[in-house]
Amino acid sequence: MPKYSNSLDNLFHALGDPTRRSILERLSMGPATVGELAEPFKMALPSLMQHLGVLEDSSLVRSEKVGRVRTYKLTQDSMKAGEDWFVRQRTLWDRRLDQLDSYLLEMKEKENGKN
């Protein structure tokens, strides 16, 4: 479980920054070189490379270097882990809200029975 939590921590840390989310949106259209990814941002290349490093550490993207050109592309596994986490949380909270709803209805019926 600690390893799984660490990967989720890395995933949500990576997704917590708007620049990194923009990079992911760009990569959803297909692989891109560092230069292509840098175009829309007004930041120094080392700063962009730090963002790409965070995305790669979280396993959201993977890079490949051919000659002098490094190309990034999305991976699926980390997104799936995040999606699974959200589904589990949603299921848990739906169940809890259903239980609360049942409890409140039961309390209301008891209250009406007294009157």
PDB file of N, CA and C in Angstrom:
ATOM      1  N   MET A   1       0.807  -1.205   0.000  1.00  0.00           N
ATOM      2  CA  MET A   1       0.000   0.000   0.000  1.00  0.00           C
ATOM      3  C   MET A   1       0.846   1.263   0.000  1.00  0.00           C
ATOM      4  N   PRO A   2       1.974   1.346   0.773  1.00  0.00           N
ATOM      5  CA  PRO A   2       2.768   2.574   0.739  1.00  0.00           C
ATOM      6  C   PRO A   2       3.285   2.903  -0.652  1.00  0.00           C
ATOM      7  N   LYS A   3       3.682   1.879  -1.441  1.00  0.00           N
ATOM      8  CA  LYS A   3       4.162   2.150  -2.791  1.00  0.00           C
ATOM      9  C   LYS A   3       3.037   2.720  -3.647  1.00  0.00           C
ATOM     10  N   TYR A   4       1.815   2.145  -3.492  1.00  0.00           N
ATOM     11  CA  TYR A   4       0.669   2.627  -4.234  1.00  0.00           C
ATOM     12  C   TYR A   4       0.361   4.066  -3.851  1.00  0.00           C
ATOM     13  N   SER A   5       0.411   4.375  -2.539  1.00  0.00           N
ATOM     14  CA  SER A   5       0.154   5.744  -2.086  1.00  0.00           C
ATOM     15  C   SER A   5       1.177   6.700  -2.647  1.00  0.00           C
ATOM     16  N   ASN A   6       2.431   6.270  -2.689  1.00  0.00           N
ATOM     17  CA  ASN A   6       3.479   7.120  -3.230  1.00  0.00           C
ATOM     18  C   ASN A   6       3.229   7.437  -4.692  1.00  0.00           C
ATOM     19  N   SER A   7       2.767   6.458  -5.459  1.00  0.00           N
ATOM     20  CA  SER A   7       2.505   6.725  -6.871  1.00  0.00           C
ATOM     21  C   SER A   7       1.303   7.662  -7.033  1.00  0.00           C
ATOM     22  N   LEU A   8       0.298   7.525  -6.159  1.00  0.00           N
ATOM     23  CA  LEU A   8      -0.834   8.454  -6.207  1.00  0.00           C
ATOM     24  C   LEU A   8      -0.394   9.853  -5.793  1.00  0.00           C
ATOM     25  N   ASP A   9       0.476   9.936  -4.777  1.00  0.00           N
ATOM     26  CA  ASP A   9       1.007  11.244  -4.365  1.00  0.00           C
ATOM     27  C   ASP A   9       1.708  11.911  -5.540  1.00  0.00           C
ATOM     28  N   ASN A  10       2.545  11.142  -6.232  1.00  0.00           N
ATOM     29  CA  ASN A  10       3.260  11.692  -7.393  1.00  0.00           C
ATOM     30  C   ASN A  10       2.279  12.110  -8.495  1.00  0.00           C
ATOM     31  N   LEU A  11       1.260  11.303  -8.709  1.00  0.00           N
ATOM     32  CA  LEU A  11       0.264  11.610  -9.737  1.00  0.00           C
ATOM     33  C   LEU A  11      -0.452  12.923  -9.429  1.00  0.00           C
ATOM     34  N   PHE A  12      -0.961  13.045  -8.204  1.00  0.00           N
ATOM     35  CA  PHE A  12      -1.723  14.255  -7.868  1.00  0.00           C
ATOM     36  C   PHE A  12      -0.813  15.477  -7.755  1.00  0.00           C
ATOM     37  N   HIS A  13       0.427  15.268  -7.325  1.00  0.00           N
ATOM     38  CA  HIS A  13       1.388  16.383  -7.336  1.00  0.00           C
ATOM     39  C   HIS A  13       1.593  16.865  -8.771  1.00  0.00           C
ATOM     40  N   ALA A  14       1.765  15.930  -9.682  1.00  0.00           N
ATOM     41  CA  ALA A  14       1.981  16.300 -11.088  1.00  0.00           C
ATOM     42  C   ALA A  14       0.762  17.010 -11.661  1.00  0.00           C
ATOM     43  N   LEU A  15      -0.422  16.549 -11.312  1.00  0.00           N
ATOM     44  CA  LEU A  15      -1.650  17.145 -11.852  1.00  0.00           C
ATOM     45  C   LEU A  15      -2.019  18.457 -11.161  1.00  0.00           C
ATOM     46  N   GLY A  16      -1.350  18.761 -10.056  1.00  0.00           N
ATOM     47  CA  GLY A  16      -1.673  19.960  -9.293  1.00  0.00           C
ATOM     48  C   GLY A  16      -1.150  21.254  -9.882  1.00  0.00           C
ATOM     49  N   ASP A  17      -0.449  21.188 -10.983  1.00  0.00           N
ATOM     50  CA  ASP A  17       0.137  22.391 -11.587  1.00  0.00           C
ATOM     51  C   ASP A  17      -0.494  22.636 -12.963  1.00  0.00           C
ATOM     52  N   PRO A  18      -0.953  23.871 -13.224  1.00  0.00           N
ATOM     53  CA  PRO A  18      -1.620  24.149 -14.509  1.00  0.00           C
ATOM     54  C   PRO A  18      -0.704  23.981 -15.724  1.00  0.00           C
ATOM     55  N   THR A  19       0.576  24.271 -15.572  1.00  0.00           N
ATOM     56  CA  THR A  19       1.492  24.086 -16.702  1.00  0.00           C
ATOM     57  C   THR A  19       1.581  22.612 -17.068  1.00  0.00           C
ATOM     58  N   ARG A  20       1.689  21.770 -16.048  1.00  0.00           N
ATOM     59  CA  ARG A  20       1.794  20.327 -16.328  1.00  0.00           C
ATOM     60  C   ARG A  20       0.489  19.791 -16.914  1.00  0.00           C
ATOM     61  N   ARG A  21      -0.644  20.313 -16.436  1.00  0.00           N
ATOM     62  CA  ARG A  21      -1.918  19.867 -17.030  1.00  0.00           C
ATOM     63  C   ARG A  21      -2.007  20.310 -18.495  1.00  0.00           C
ATOM     64  N   SER A  22      -1.510  21.502 -18.799  1.00  0.00           N
ATOM     65  CA  SER A  22      -1.501  21.965 -20.193  1.00  0.00           C
ATOM     66  C   SER A  22      -0.615  21.074 -21.061  1.00  0.00           C
ATOM     67  N   ILE A  23       0.509  20.689 -20.521  1.00  0.00           N
ATOM     68  CA  ILE A  23       1.402  19.792 -21.265  1.00  0.00           C
ATOM     69  C   ILE A  23       0.685  18.463 -21.543  1.00  0.00           C
ATOM     70  N   LEU A  24      -0.010  17.953 -20.537  1.00  0.00           N
ATOM     71  CA  LEU A  24      -0.737  16.686 -20.729  1.00  0.00           C
ATOM     72  C   LEU A  24      -1.830  16.835 -21.782  1.00  0.00           C
ATOM     73  N   GLU A  25      -2.534  17.992 -21.757  1.00  0.00           N
ATOM     74  CA  GLU A  25      -3.566  18.219 -22.774  1.00  0.00           C
ATOM     75  C   GLU A  25      -2.954  18.258 -24.164  1.00  0.00           C
ATOM     76  N   ARG A  26      -1.803  18.908 -24.289  1.00  0.00           N
ATOM     77  CA  ARG A  26      -1.118  18.953 -25.593  1.00  0.00           C
ATOM     78  C   ARG A  26      -0.731  17.543 -26.031  1.00  0.00           C
ATOM     79  N   LEU A  27      -0.213  16.749 -25.085  1.00  0.00           N
ATOM     80  CA  LEU A  27       0.219  15.394 -25.430  1.00  0.00           C
ATOM     81  C   LEU A  27      -0.964  14.459 -25.718  1.00  0.00           C
ATOM     82  N   SER A  28      -2.159  14.845 -25.292  1.00  0.00           N
ATOM     83  CA  SER A  28      -3.330  14.015 -25.616  1.00  0.00           C
ATOM     84  C   SER A  28      -3.619  14.049 -27.119  1.00  0.00           C
ATOM     85  N   MET A  29      -3.056  15.047 -27.810  1.00  0.00           N
ATOM     86  CA  MET A  29      -3.225  15.120 -29.269  1.00  0.00           C
ATOM     87  C   MET A  29      -2.162  14.315 -30.003  1.00  0.00           C
ATOM     88  N   GLY A  30      -1.137  13.858 -29.263  1.00  0.00           N
ATOM     89  CA  GLY A  30      -0.093  13.057 -29.870  1.00  0.00           C
ATOM     90  C   GLY A  30       1.267  13.423 -29.315  1.00  0.00           C
ATOM     91  N   PRO A  31       2.262  12.601 -29.595  1.00  0.00           N
ATOM     92  CA  PRO A  31       3.616  12.862 -29.098  1.00  0.00           C
ATOM     93  C   PRO A  31       4.127  14.224 -29.572  1.00  0.00           C
ATOM     94  N   ALA A  32       5.017  14.815 -28.777  1.00  0.00           N
ATOM     95  CA  ALA A  32       5.570  16.123 -29.124  1.00  0.00           C
ATOM     96  C   ALA A  32       7.008  16.215 -28.639  1.00  0.00           C
ATOM     97  N   THR A  33       7.779  17.001 -29.370  1.00  0.00           N
ATOM     98  CA  THR A  33       9.165  17.232 -28.972  1.00  0.00           C
ATOM     99  C   THR A  33       9.192  18.290 -27.865  1.00  0.00           C
ATOM    100  N   VAL A  34      10.330  18.424 -27.225  1.00  0.00           N
ATOM    101  CA  VAL A  34      10.483  19.436 -26.173  1.00  0.00           C
ATOM    102  C   VAL A  34      10.209  20.821 -26.751  1.00  0.00           C
ATOM    103  N   GLY A  35      10.713  21.092 -27.940  1.00  0.00           N
ATOM    104  CA  GLY A  35      10.496  22.388 -28.569  1.00  0.00           C
ATOM    105  C   GLY A  35       9.022  22.669 -28.823  1.00  0.00           C
ATOM    106  N   GLU A  36       8.307  21.672 -29.284  1.00  0.00           N
ATOM    107  CA  GLU A  36       6.873  21.833 -29.528  1.00  0.00           C
ATOM    108  C   GLU A  36       6.115  22.073 -28.224  1.00  0.00           C
ATOM    109  N   LEU A  37       6.539  21.381 -27.175  1.00  0.00           N
ATOM    110  CA  LEU A  37       5.878  21.553 -25.880  1.00  0.00           C
ATOM    111  C   LEU A  37       6.193  22.910 -25.269  1.00  0.00           C
ATOM    112  N   ALA A  38       7.369  23.446 -25.584  1.00  0.00           N
ATOM    113  CA  ALA A  38       7.790  24.732 -25.004  1.00  0.00           C
ATOM    114  C   ALA A  38       7.103  25.926 -25.660  1.00  0.00           C
ATOM    115  N   GLU A  39       6.644  25.781 -26.892  1.00  0.00           N
ATOM    116  CA  GLU A  39       6.108  26.913 -27.669  1.00  0.00           C
ATOM    117  C   GLU A  39       5.067  27.761 -26.934  1.00  0.00           C
ATOM    118  N   PRO A  40       4.031  27.172 -26.345  1.00  0.00           N
ATOM    119  CA  PRO A  40       2.990  28.031 -25.755  1.00  0.00           C
ATOM    120  C   PRO A  40       3.368  28.668 -24.419  1.00  0.00           C
ATOM    121  N   PHE A  41       4.480  28.298 -23.849  1.00  0.00           N
ATOM    122  CA  PHE A  41       4.835  28.781 -22.514  1.00  0.00           C
ATOM    123  C   PHE A  41       5.940  29.826 -22.588  1.00  0.00           C
ATOM    124  N   LYS A  42       5.791  30.854 -21.783  1.00  0.00           N
ATOM    125  CA  LYS A  42       6.837  31.874 -21.682  1.00  0.00           C
ATOM    126  C   LYS A  42       7.695  31.552 -20.471  1.00  0.00           C
ATOM    127  N   MET A  43       8.508  30.528 -20.613  1.00  0.00           N
ATOM    128  CA  MET A  43       9.387  30.139 -19.510  1.00  0.00           C
ATOM    129  C   MET A  43      10.692  29.611 -20.081  1.00  0.00           C
ATOM    130  N   ALA A  44      11.700  29.644 -19.257  1.00  0.00           N
ATOM    131  CA  ALA A  44      13.004  29.148 -19.675  1.00  0.00           C
ATOM    132  C   ALA A  44      12.932  27.637 -19.889  1.00  0.00           C
ATOM    133  N   LEU A  45      13.727  27.143 -20.796  1.00  0.00           N
ATOM    134  CA  LEU A  45      13.722  25.710 -21.107  1.00  0.00           C
ATOM    135  C   LEU A  45      14.016  24.842 -19.883  1.00  0.00           C
ATOM    136  N   PRO A  46      14.975  25.254 -19.002  1.00  0.00           N
ATOM    137  CA  PRO A  46      15.190  24.427 -17.803  1.00  0.00           C
ATOM    138  C   PRO A  46      13.940  24.303 -16.922  1.00  0.00           C
ATOM    139  N   SER A  47      13.132  25.369 -16.858  1.00  0.00           N
ATOM    140  CA  SER A  47      11.884  25.299 -16.073  1.00  0.00           C
ATOM    141  C   SER A  47      10.916  24.311 -16.701  1.00  0.00           C
ATOM    142  N   LEU A  48      10.804  24.361 -18.028  1.00  0.00           N
ATOM    143  CA  LEU A  48       9.925  23.411 -18.718  1.00  0.00           C
ATOM    144  C   LEU A  48      10.423  21.984 -18.503  1.00  0.00           C
ATOM    145  N   MET A  49      11.738  21.815 -18.551  1.00  0.00           N
ATOM    146  CA  MET A  49      12.296  20.470 -18.353  1.00  0.00           C
ATOM    147  C   MET A  49      11.994  19.955 -16.944  1.00  0.00           C
ATOM    148  N   GLN A  50      11.944  20.870 -15.954  1.00  0.00           N
ATOM    149  CA  GLN A  50      11.575  20.435 -14.598  1.00  0.00           C
ATOM    150  C   GLN A  50      10.134  19.920 -14.582  1.00  0.00           C
ATOM    151  N   HIS A  51       9.244  20.630 -15.265  1.00  0.00           N
ATOM    152  CA  HIS A  51       7.856  20.158 -15.342  1.00  0.00           C
ATOM    153  C   HIS A  51       7.791  18.788 -16.032  1.00  0.00           C
ATOM    154  N   LEU A  52       8.534  18.653 -17.105  1.00  0.00           N
ATOM    155  CA  LEU A  52       8.535  17.360 -17.812  1.00  0.00           C
ATOM    156  C   LEU A  52       9.121  16.261 -16.933  1.00  0.00           C
ATOM    157  N   GLY A  53      10.103  16.612 -16.116  1.00  0.00           N
ATOM    158  CA  GLY A  53      10.678  15.642 -15.181  1.00  0.00           C
ATOM    159  C   GLY A  53       9.651  15.170 -14.158  1.00  0.00           C
ATOM    160  N   VAL A  54       8.865  16.111 -13.642  1.00  0.00           N
ATOM    161  CA  VAL A  54       7.810  15.736 -12.676  1.00  0.00           C
ATOM    162  C   VAL A  54       6.799  14.813 -13.346  1.00  0.00           C
ATOM    163  N   LEU A  55       6.413  15.148 -14.575  1.00  0.00           N
ATOM    164  CA  LEU A  55       5.451  14.311 -15.297  1.00  0.00           C
ATOM    165  C   LEU A  55       6.022  12.924 -15.580  1.00  0.00           C
ATOM    166  N   GLU A  56       7.289  12.869 -15.878  1.00  0.00           N
ATOM    167  CA  GLU A  56       7.919  11.581 -16.159  1.00  0.00           C
ATOM    168  C   GLU A  56       8.088  10.776 -14.864  1.00  0.00           C
ATOM    169  N   ASP A  57       8.433  11.455 -13.763  1.00  0.00           N
ATOM    170  CA  ASP A  57       8.560  10.761 -12.469  1.00  0.00           C
ATOM    171  C   ASP A  57       7.237  10.172 -12.010  1.00  0.00           C
ATOM    172  N   SER A  58       6.142  10.830 -12.383  1.00  0.00           N
ATOM    173  CA  SER A  58       4.828  10.325 -11.993  1.00  0.00           C
ATOM    174  C   SER A  58       4.303   9.281 -12.978  1.00  0.00           C
ATOM    175  N   SER A  59       5.096   8.989 -13.986  1.00  0.00           N
ATOM    176  CA  SER A  59       4.748   7.988 -15.015  1.00  0.00           C
ATOM    177  C   SER A  59       3.572   8.413 -15.881  1.00  0.00           C
ATOM    178  N   LEU A  60       3.277   9.714 -15.909  1.00  0.00           N
ATOM    179  CA  LEU A  60       2.219  10.197 -16.794  1.00  0.00           C
ATOM    180  C   LEU A  60       2.704  10.315 -18.227  1.00  0.00           C
ATOM    181  N   VAL A  61       3.990  10.566 -18.391  1.00  0.00           N
ATOM    182  CA  VAL A  61       4.575  10.672 -19.726  1.00  0.00           C
ATOM    183  C   VAL A  61       5.846   9.823 -19.782  1.00  0.00           C
ATOM    184  N   ARG A  62       6.227   9.541 -20.996  1.00  0.00           N
ATOM    185  CA  ARG A  62       7.462   8.806 -21.232  1.00  0.00           C
ATOM    186  C   ARG A  62       8.182   9.527 -22.370  1.00  0.00           C
ATOM    187  N   SER A  63       9.501   9.565 -22.281  1.00  0.00           N
ATOM    188  CA  SER A  63      10.250  10.242 -23.334  1.00  0.00           C
ATOM    189  C   SER A  63      11.189   9.272 -24.027  1.00  0.00           C
ATOM    190  N   GLU A  64      11.506   9.661 -25.245  1.00  0.00           N
ATOM    191  CA  GLU A  64      12.444   8.871 -26.031  1.00  0.00           C
ATOM    192  C   GLU A  64      13.343   9.850 -26.777  1.00  0.00           C
ATOM    193  N   LYS A  65      14.621   9.573 -26.749  1.00  0.00           N
ATOM    194  CA  LYS A  65      15.562  10.468 -27.414  1.00  0.00           C
ATOM    195  C   LYS A  65      16.105   9.784 -28.662  1.00  0.00           C
ATOM    196  N   VAL A  66      15.931  10.471 -29.776  1.00  0.00           N
ATOM    197  CA  VAL A  66      16.477   9.986 -31.051  1.00  0.00           C
ATOM    198  C   VAL A  66      17.398  11.088 -31.568  1.00  0.00           C
ATOM    199  N   GLY A  67      18.675  10.784 -31.599  1.00  0.00           N
ATOM    200  CA  GLY A  67      19.647  11.817 -31.978  1.00  0.00           C
ATOM    201  C   GLY A  67      19.654  12.911 -30.933  1.00  0.00           C
ATOM    202  N   ARG A  68      19.359  14.125 -31.356  1.00  0.00           N
ATOM    203  CA  ARG A  68      19.339  15.242 -30.412  1.00  0.00           C
ATOM    204  C   ARG A  68      17.909  15.648 -30.021  1.00  0.00           C
ATOM    205  N   VAL A  69      16.955  14.918 -30.541  1.00  0.00           N
ATOM    206  CA  VAL A  69      15.551  15.278 -30.310  1.00  0.00           C
ATOM    207  C   VAL A  69      14.913  14.340 -29.287  1.00  0.00           C
ATOM    208  N   ARG A  70      14.359  14.947 -28.220  1.00  0.00           N
ATOM    209  CA  ARG A  70      13.634  14.168 -27.210  1.00  0.00           C
ATOM    210  C   ARG A  70      12.142  14.389 -27.436  1.00  0.00           C
ATOM    211  N   THR A  71      11.426  13.262 -27.543  1.00  0.00           N
ATOM    212  CA  THR A  71       9.988  13.304 -27.790  1.00  0.00           C
ATOM    213  C   THR A  71       9.252  12.703 -26.598  1.00  0.00           C
ATOM    214  N   TYR A  72       8.170  13.376 -26.207  1.00  0.00           N
ATOM    215  CA  TYR A  72       7.357  12.922 -25.075  1.00  0.00           C
ATOM    216  C   TYR A  72       6.014  12.411 -25.575  1.00  0.00           C
ATOM    217  N   LYS A  73       5.486  11.428 -24.858  1.00  0.00           N
ATOM    218  CA  LYS A  73       4.138  10.942 -25.144  1.00  0.00           C
ATOM    219  C   LYS A  73       3.484  10.489 -23.850  1.00  0.00           C
ATOM    220  N   LEU A  74       2.158  10.467 -23.865  1.00  0.00           N
ATOM    221  CA  LEU A  74       1.396  10.066 -22.688  1.00  0.00           C
ATOM    222  C   LEU A  74       1.517   8.571 -22.447  1.00  0.00           C
ATOM    223  N   THR A  75       1.384   8.193 -21.191  1.00  0.00           N
ATOM    224  CA  THR A  75       1.239   6.786 -20.836  1.00  0.00           C
ATOM    225  C   THR A  75      -0.157   6.625 -20.241  1.00  0.00           C
ATOM    226  N   GLN A  76      -0.638   5.441 -20.125  1.00  0.00           N
ATOM    227  CA  GLN A  76      -2.000   5.199 -19.658  1.00  0.00           C
ATOM    228  C   GLN A  76      -2.064   4.755 -18.197  1.00  0.00           C
ATOM    229  N   ASP A  77      -1.036   4.092 -17.697  1.00  0.00           N
ATOM    230  CA  ASP A  77      -1.115   3.417 -16.405  1.00  0.00           C
ATOM    231  C   ASP A  77      -1.399   4.346 -15.238  1.00  0.00           C
ATOM    232  N   SER A  78      -0.707   5.463 -15.148  1.00  0.00           N
ATOM    233  CA  SER A  78      -0.908   6.354 -14.000  1.00  0.00           C
ATOM    234  C   SER A  78      -2.284   6.988 -14.017  1.00  0.00           C
ATOM    235  N   MET A  79      -2.756   7.363 -15.186  1.00  0.00           N
ATOM    236  CA  MET A  79      -4.101   7.933 -15.277  1.00  0.00           C
ATOM    237  C   MET A  79      -5.122   6.913 -14.790  1.00  0.00           C
ATOM    238  N   LYS A  80      -4.926   5.663 -15.130  1.00  0.00           N
ATOM    239  CA  LYS A  80      -5.839   4.598 -14.719  1.00  0.00           C
ATOM    240  C   LYS A  80      -5.823   4.462 -13.197  1.00  0.00           C
ATOM    241  N   ALA A  81      -4.645   4.555 -12.587  1.00  0.00           N
ATOM    242  CA  ALA A  81      -4.553   4.459 -11.128  1.00  0.00           C
ATOM    243  C   ALA A  81      -5.325   5.602 -10.476  1.00  0.00           C
ATOM    244  N   GLY A  82      -5.214   6.807 -11.021  1.00  0.00           N
ATOM    245  CA  GLY A  82      -5.955   7.947 -10.494  1.00  0.00           C
ATOM    246  C   GLY A  82      -7.442   7.789 -10.688  1.00  0.00           C
ATOM    247  N   GLU A  83      -7.824   7.325 -11.855  1.00  0.00           N
ATOM    248  CA  GLU A  83      -9.242   7.101 -12.144  1.00  0.00           C
ATOM    249  C   GLU A  83      -9.821   6.057 -11.192  1.00  0.00           C
ATOM    250  N   ASP A  84      -9.076   4.976 -10.955  1.00  0.00           N
ATOM    251  CA  ASP A  84      -9.530   3.928 -10.028  1.00  0.00           C
ATOM    252  C   ASP A  84      -9.707   4.495  -8.625  1.00  0.00           C
ATOM    253  N   TRP A  85      -8.797   5.370  -8.187  1.00  0.00           N
ATOM    254  CA  TRP A  85      -8.890   5.969  -6.866  1.00  0.00           C
ATOM    255  C   TRP A  85     -10.171   6.800  -6.757  1.00  0.00           C
ATOM    256  N   PHE A  86     -10.447   7.610  -7.782  1.00  0.00           N
ATOM    257  CA  PHE A  86     -11.657   8.428  -7.761  1.00  0.00           C
ATOM    258  C   PHE A  86     -12.915   7.564  -7.747  1.00  0.00           C
ATOM    259  N   VAL A  87     -12.912   6.487  -8.498  1.00  0.00           N
ATOM    260  CA  VAL A  87     -14.083   5.595  -8.520  1.00  0.00           C
ATOM    261  C   VAL A  87     -14.308   4.987  -7.139  1.00  0.00           C
ATOM    262  N   ARG A  88     -13.228   4.547  -6.480  1.00  0.00           N
ATOM    263  CA  ARG A  88     -13.361   3.982  -5.122  1.00  0.00           C
ATOM    264  C   ARG A  88     -13.909   5.023  -4.152  1.00  0.00           C
ATOM    265  N   GLN A  89     -13.389   6.253  -4.232  1.00  0.00           N
ATOM    266  CA  GLN A  89     -13.856   7.311  -3.332  1.00  0.00           C
ATOM    267  C   GLN A  89     -15.314   7.647  -3.598  1.00  0.00           C
ATOM    268  N   ARG A  90     -15.684   7.711  -4.855  1.00  0.00           N
ATOM    269  CA  ARG A  90     -17.072   8.027  -5.203  1.00  0.00           C
ATOM    270  C   ARG A  90     -18.027   6.937  -4.709  1.00  0.00           C
ATOM    271  N   THR A  91     -17.632   5.682  -4.883  1.00  0.00           N
ATOM    272  CA  THR A  91     -18.437   4.561  -4.414  1.00  0.00           C
ATOM    273  C   THR A  91     -18.602   4.617  -2.896  1.00  0.00           C
ATOM    274  N   LEU A  92     -17.514   4.867  -2.192  1.00  0.00           N
ATOM    275  CA  LEU A  92     -17.541   4.961  -0.734  1.00  0.00           C
ATOM    276  C   LEU A  92     -18.490   6.066  -0.282  1.00  0.00           C
ATOM    277  N   TRP A  93     -18.372   7.253  -0.887  1.00  0.00           N
ATOM    278  CA  TRP A  93     -19.202   8.380  -0.462  1.00  0.00           C
ATOM    279  C   TRP A  93     -20.654   8.215  -0.894  1.00  0.00           C
ATOM    280  N   ASP A  94     -20.908   7.586  -2.019  1.00  0.00           N
ATOM    281  CA  ASP A  94     -22.283   7.284  -2.414  1.00  0.00           C
ATOM    282  C   ASP A  94     -22.929   6.359  -1.391  1.00  0.00           C
ATOM    283  N   ARG A  95     -22.186   5.346  -0.955  1.00  0.00           N
ATOM    284  CA  ARG A  95     -22.715   4.395   0.038  1.00  0.00           C
ATOM    285  C   ARG A  95     -22.989   5.115   1.362  1.00  0.00           C
ATOM    286  N   ARG A  96     -22.039   5.963   1.784  1.00  0.00           N
ATOM    287  CA  ARG A  96     -22.229   6.696   3.042  1.00  0.00           C
ATOM    288  C   ARG A  96     -23.439   7.636   2.961  1.00  0.00           C
ATOM    289  N   LEU A  97     -23.613   8.313   1.856  1.00  0.00           N
ATOM    290  CA  LEU A  97     -24.760   9.214   1.708  1.00  0.00           C
ATOM    291  C   LEU A  97     -26.063   8.440   1.669  1.00  0.00           C
ATOM    292  N   ASP A  98     -26.059   7.248   1.054  1.00  0.00           N
ATOM    293  CA  ASP A  98     -27.256   6.401   1.059  1.00  0.00           C
ATOM    294  C   ASP A  98     -27.600   5.982   2.486  1.00  0.00           C
ATOM    295  N   GLN A  99     -26.574   5.622   3.268  1.00  0.00           N
ATOM    296  CA  GLN A  99     -26.796   5.244   4.668  1.00  0.00           C
ATOM    297  C   GLN A  99     -27.351   6.422   5.466  1.00  0.00           C
ATOM    298  N   LEU A 100     -26.801   7.610   5.235  1.00  0.00           N
ATOM    299  CA  LEU A 100     -27.284   8.805   5.933  1.00  0.00           C
ATOM    300  C   LEU A 100     -28.729   9.099   5.546  1.00  0.00           C
ATOM    301  N   ASP A 101     -29.038   8.950   4.264  1.00  0.00           N
ATOM    302  CA  ASP A 101     -30.400   9.172   3.788  1.00  0.00           C
ATOM    303  C   ASP A 101     -31.366   8.203   4.459  1.00  0.00           C
ATOM    304  N   SER A 102     -30.986   6.938   4.532  1.00  0.00           N
ATOM    305  CA  SER A 102     -31.835   5.929   5.188  1.00  0.00           C
ATOM    306  C   SER A 102     -32.022   6.259   6.661  1.00  0.00           C
ATOM    307  N   TYR A 103     -30.967   6.645   7.318  1.00  0.00           N
ATOM    308  CA  TYR A 103     -31.034   6.984   8.743  1.00  0.00           C
ATOM    309  C   TYR A 103     -31.971   8.172   8.973  1.00  0.00           C
ATOM    310  N   LEU A 104     -31.819   9.209   8.143  1.00  0.00           N
ATOM    311  CA  LEU A 104     -32.659  10.394   8.305  1.00  0.00           C
ATOM    312  C   LEU A 104     -34.137  10.085   8.033  1.00  0.00           C
ATOM    313  N   LEU A 105     -34.398   9.240   7.028  1.00  0.00           N
ATOM    314  CA  LEU A 105     -35.786   8.838   6.758  1.00  0.00           C
ATOM    315  C   LEU A 105     -36.368   8.060   7.939  1.00  0.00           C
ATOM    316  N   GLU A 106     -35.556   7.172   8.508  1.00  0.00           N
ATOM    317  CA  GLU A 106     -35.985   6.399   9.665  1.00  0.00           C
ATOM    318  C   GLU A 106     -36.278   7.325  10.848  1.00  0.00           C
ATOM    319  N   MET A 107     -35.424   8.308  11.070  1.00  0.00           N
ATOM    320  CA  MET A 107     -35.627   9.267  12.160  1.00  0.00           C
ATOM    321  C   MET A 107     -36.901  10.084  11.935  1.00  0.00           C
ATOM    322  N   LYS A 108     -37.133  10.460  10.681  1.00  0.00           N
ATOM    323  CA  LYS A 108     -38.322  11.248  10.356  1.00  0.00           C
ATOM    324  C   LYS A 108     -39.590  10.424  10.590  1.00  0.00           C
ATOM    325  N   GLU A 109     -39.540   9.141  10.207  1.00  0.00           N
ATOM    326  CA  GLU A 109     -40.690   8.264  10.429  1.00  0.00           C
ATOM    327  C   GLU A 109     -40.961   8.085  11.917  1.00  0.00           C
ATOM    328  N   LYS A 110     -39.902   7.946  12.700  1.00  0.00           N
ATOM    329  CA  LYS A 110     -40.071   7.812  14.154  1.00  0.00           C
ATOM    330  C   LYS A 110     -40.658   9.089  14.732  1.00  0.00           C
ATOM    331  N   GLU A 111     -40.175  10.220  14.244  1.00  0.00           N
ATOM    332  CA  GLU A 111     -40.664  11.522  14.716  1.00  0.00           C
ATOM    333  C   GLU A 111     -42.147  11.691  14.374  1.00  0.00           C
ATOM    334  N   ASN A 112     -42.536  11.299  13.157  1.00  0.00           N
ATOM    335  CA  ASN A 112     -43.935  11.395  12.738  1.00  0.00           C
ATOM    336  C   ASN A 112     -44.818  10.429  13.522  1.00  0.00           C
ATOM    337  N   GLY A 113     -44.249   9.270  13.911  1.00  0.00           N
ATOM    338  CA  GLY A 113     -45.000   8.292  14.679  1.00  0.00           C
ATOM    339  C   GLY A 113     -45.319   8.776  16.080  1.00  0.00           C
ATOM    340  N   LYS A 114     -44.490   9.633  16.633  1.00  0.00           N
ATOM    341  CA  LYS A 114     -44.712  10.166  17.978  1.00  0.00           C
ATOM    342  C   LYS A 114     -45.832  11.199  17.974  1.00  0.00           C
ATOM    343  N   ASN A 115     -45.988  11.879  16.852  1.00  0.00           N
ATOM    344  CA  ASN A 115     -46.975  12.964  16.799  1.00  0.00           C
ATOM    345  C   ASN A 115     -48.352  12.494  16.487  1.00  0.00           C
TER     346      ASN A 115
END
